[in-house]
Protein backbone atom coordinates (compact mmCIF):
# COMPACT_ATOMS: atom_id res chain seq x y z
CA UNK A 1 29.08 -53.32 -28.61
CA UNK A 2 28.27 -53.80 -24.85
CA UNK A 3 28.31 -56.94 -22.69
CA UNK A 4 25.42 -58.00 -20.59
CA UNK A 5 27.28 -56.40 -17.55
CA UNK A 6 27.53 -53.02 -19.51
CA UNK A 7 31.16 -53.14 -20.43
CA UNK A 8 32.28 -51.75 -23.89
CA UNK A 9 33.79 -54.20 -26.28
CA UNK A 10 35.95 -53.19 -29.24
CA UNK A 11 37.89 -55.10 -31.89
CA UNK A 12 35.60 -58.01 -31.80
CA UNK A 13 36.80 -60.75 -34.23
CA UNK A 14 36.86 -64.49 -34.75
CA UNK A 15 39.72 -66.26 -32.87
CA UNK A 16 42.02 -68.57 -34.75
CA UNK A 17 42.52 -71.96 -33.08
CA UNK A 18 45.96 -73.24 -33.88
CA UNK A 19 45.06 -76.79 -32.63
CA UNK A 20 42.10 -77.22 -35.03
CA UNK A 21 43.59 -74.78 -37.59
CA UNK A 22 40.22 -73.06 -37.97
CA UNK A 23 38.45 -69.82 -36.90
CA UNK A 24 36.44 -70.47 -33.75
CA UNK A 25 34.83 -68.43 -30.98
CA UNK A 26 35.24 -64.63 -30.58
CA UNK A 27 37.81 -62.30 -28.96
CA UNK A 28 38.03 -58.56 -28.27
CA UNK A 29 39.13 -55.82 -26.01
CA UNK A 30 36.98 -55.02 -22.99
CA UNK A 31 37.18 -51.39 -21.58
CA UNK A 32 37.28 -52.14 -17.85
CA UNK A 33 37.66 -48.47 -16.74
CA UNK A 34 35.40 -46.19 -18.76
CA UNK A 35 37.29 -43.62 -20.68
CA UNK A 36 40.79 -45.03 -19.93
CA UNK A 37 42.30 -47.35 -22.68
CA UNK A 38 45.16 -48.28 -20.37
CA UNK A 39 42.94 -50.68 -18.52
CA UNK A 40 41.61 -52.59 -21.49
CA UNK A 41 41.62 -56.35 -21.12
CA UNK A 42 41.39 -59.05 -23.76
CA UNK A 43 38.53 -61.44 -23.38
CA UNK A 44 37.03 -64.41 -25.30
CA UNK A 45 33.56 -65.59 -25.95
CA UNK A 46 32.18 -68.89 -27.41
CA UNK A 47 30.36 -69.10 -30.74
CA UNK A 48 27.00 -68.19 -29.19
CA UNK A 49 28.43 -65.19 -27.15
CA UNK A 50 28.82 -66.85 -23.77
CA UNK A 51 31.77 -65.56 -21.69
CA UNK A 52 34.80 -67.89 -21.50
CA UNK A 53 37.06 -67.62 -18.40
CA UNK A 54 36.04 -64.07 -17.32
CA UNK A 55 33.27 -62.19 -15.64
CA UNK A 56 32.79 -59.17 -18.02
CA UNK A 57 29.44 -60.73 -19.33
CA UNK A 58 28.10 -62.30 -22.45
CA UNK A 59 27.74 -60.52 -25.85
CA UNK A 60 24.68 -60.56 -28.07
CA UNK A 61 25.67 -61.39 -31.58
CA UNK A 62 23.45 -60.20 -34.44
CA UNK A 63 22.23 -62.81 -36.92
CA UNK A 64 24.27 -65.40 -34.97
CA UNK A 65 27.49 -64.31 -36.69
């Protein structure tokens, strides 16, 4: 999967919120330097795929899931 700023995202999954004790939002690894996994960064997105506290871009979720 790619972000709107053309970064690769892997390991996308629902984030577990310990305060609400429920799965909310999305998290995954962003490949910051193409071809080099040592520069992967973890990022979070809201339920609709909007970036949260980073500038790697939004994600497009299929079927709103």
